[in-house]
Amino acid sequence: MQVLIPGALRSYTKASHVEAVGETLAALLLDLERRYPGLRFRIVDEQDRLRPNMRIFINGLGIRDLGHALRPGDFVAIVLALSGG
């Protein structure tokens, strides 16, 4: 499936869109890690939770559950949330 990579993480992928596979969001992130070492740690913390500044959208729907099931045609967007004051 197609995955949109935010600008801040493109140093890992060298592309704005990449292909990845996985039956769940967790499996997709493991596939991305296999292809682009170090990328998953920027998205998921040591407790296997999405980092607070990361947002993931699947077909436009915001998802925080790494166990969320995926289908081959899904579009996954990884978005870096802005913060500050």
Protein backbone atom coordinates (compact mmCIF):
# COMPACT_ATOMS: atom_id res chain seq x y z
CA MET A 1 0.00 0.00 0.00
CA GLN A 2 1.06 3.59 -0.48
CA VAL A 3 2.42 5.48 2.57
CA LEU A 4 2.87 9.26 2.73
CA ILE A 5 6.03 10.22 4.63
CA PRO A 6 6.26 13.64 6.34
CA GLY A 7 9.11 15.96 5.37
CA ALA A 8 10.85 15.54 8.72
CA LEU A 9 11.25 11.78 8.11
CA ARG A 10 12.19 11.84 4.43
CA SER A 11 15.87 11.64 5.31
CA TYR A 12 15.12 7.94 5.96
CA THR A 13 13.13 7.22 2.80
CA LYS A 14 14.43 9.82 0.32
CA ALA A 15 10.85 9.98 -1.00
CA SER A 16 7.52 11.52 -0.07
CA HIS A 17 5.60 8.32 -0.87
CA VAL A 18 6.77 4.74 -0.35
CA GLU A 19 5.25 1.28 -0.67
CA ALA A 20 4.84 -0.99 2.35
CA VAL A 21 2.87 -4.08 3.35
CA GLY A 22 1.21 -5.28 6.53
CA GLU A 23 -2.05 -6.71 7.78
CA THR A 24 -2.06 -4.24 10.67
CA LEU A 25 -0.62 -0.79 11.26
CA ALA A 26 2.02 -2.37 13.54
CA ALA A 27 3.05 -4.80 10.78
CA LEU A 28 3.22 -1.97 8.27
CA LEU A 29 5.54 -0.01 10.58
CA LEU A 30 7.75 -3.09 10.96
CA ASP A 31 7.93 -3.40 7.17
CA LEU A 32 8.89 0.28 6.94
CA GLU A 33 11.58 -0.33 9.58
CA ARG A 34 12.96 -3.25 7.58
CA ARG A 35 13.17 -1.08 4.47
CA TYR A 36 14.23 2.15 6.21
CA PRO A 37 16.12 1.36 9.44
CA GLY A 38 15.47 3.86 12.25
CA LEU A 39 12.18 5.15 10.86
CA ARG A 40 9.86 3.22 13.21
CA PHE A 41 11.59 4.58 16.33
CA ARG A 42 10.73 8.11 15.20
CA ILE A 43 7.03 7.12 15.00
CA VAL A 44 6.60 4.61 17.86
CA ASP A 45 8.02 4.90 21.38
CA GLU A 46 9.62 2.25 23.60
CA GLN A 47 6.17 1.15 24.88
CA ASP A 48 4.95 0.47 21.32
CA ARG A 49 2.67 3.51 21.29
CA LEU A 50 2.52 6.26 18.72
CA ARG A 51 4.62 9.19 19.81
CA PRO A 52 2.47 12.16 20.93
CA ASN A 53 3.57 14.31 17.98
CA MET A 54 2.73 11.67 15.36
CA ARG A 55 -0.61 11.24 13.63
CA ILE A 56 -1.53 8.43 11.27
CA PHE A 57 -4.44 8.58 8.87
CA ILE A 58 -5.74 5.57 6.97
CA ASN A 59 -7.92 6.57 4.03
CA GLY A 60 -8.40 9.93 5.76
CA LEU A 61 -9.44 8.50 9.15
CA GLY A 62 -7.21 9.25 12.15
CA ILE A 63 -5.96 6.04 13.78
CA ARG A 64 -3.93 5.58 16.99
CA ASP A 65 -4.38 1.82 17.44
CA LEU A 66 -1.36 -0.07 16.09
CA GLY A 67 -3.54 -3.19 15.87
CA HIS A 68 -5.83 -1.53 13.31
CA ALA A 69 -6.36 -3.88 10.35
CA LEU A 70 -5.20 -2.75 6.92
CA ARG A 71 -6.24 -3.76 3.41
CA PRO A 72 -3.91 -3.82 0.37
CA GLY A 73 -5.49 -0.74 -1.26
CA ASP A 74 -5.38 1.48 1.83
CA PHE A 75 -3.61 4.84 1.75
CA VAL A 76 -1.62 5.54 4.92
CA ALA A 77 -0.50 9.08 5.75
CA ILE A 78 2.03 9.63 8.51
CA VAL A 79 1.78 13.22 9.72
CA LEU A 80 4.01 15.08 12.12
CA ALA A 81 1.78 17.22 14.36
CA LEU A 82 3.00 20.75 14.97
CA SER A 83 3.41 21.95 18.51
CA GLY A 84 4.67 24.98 20.29
CA GLY A 85 3.37 28.30 21.41
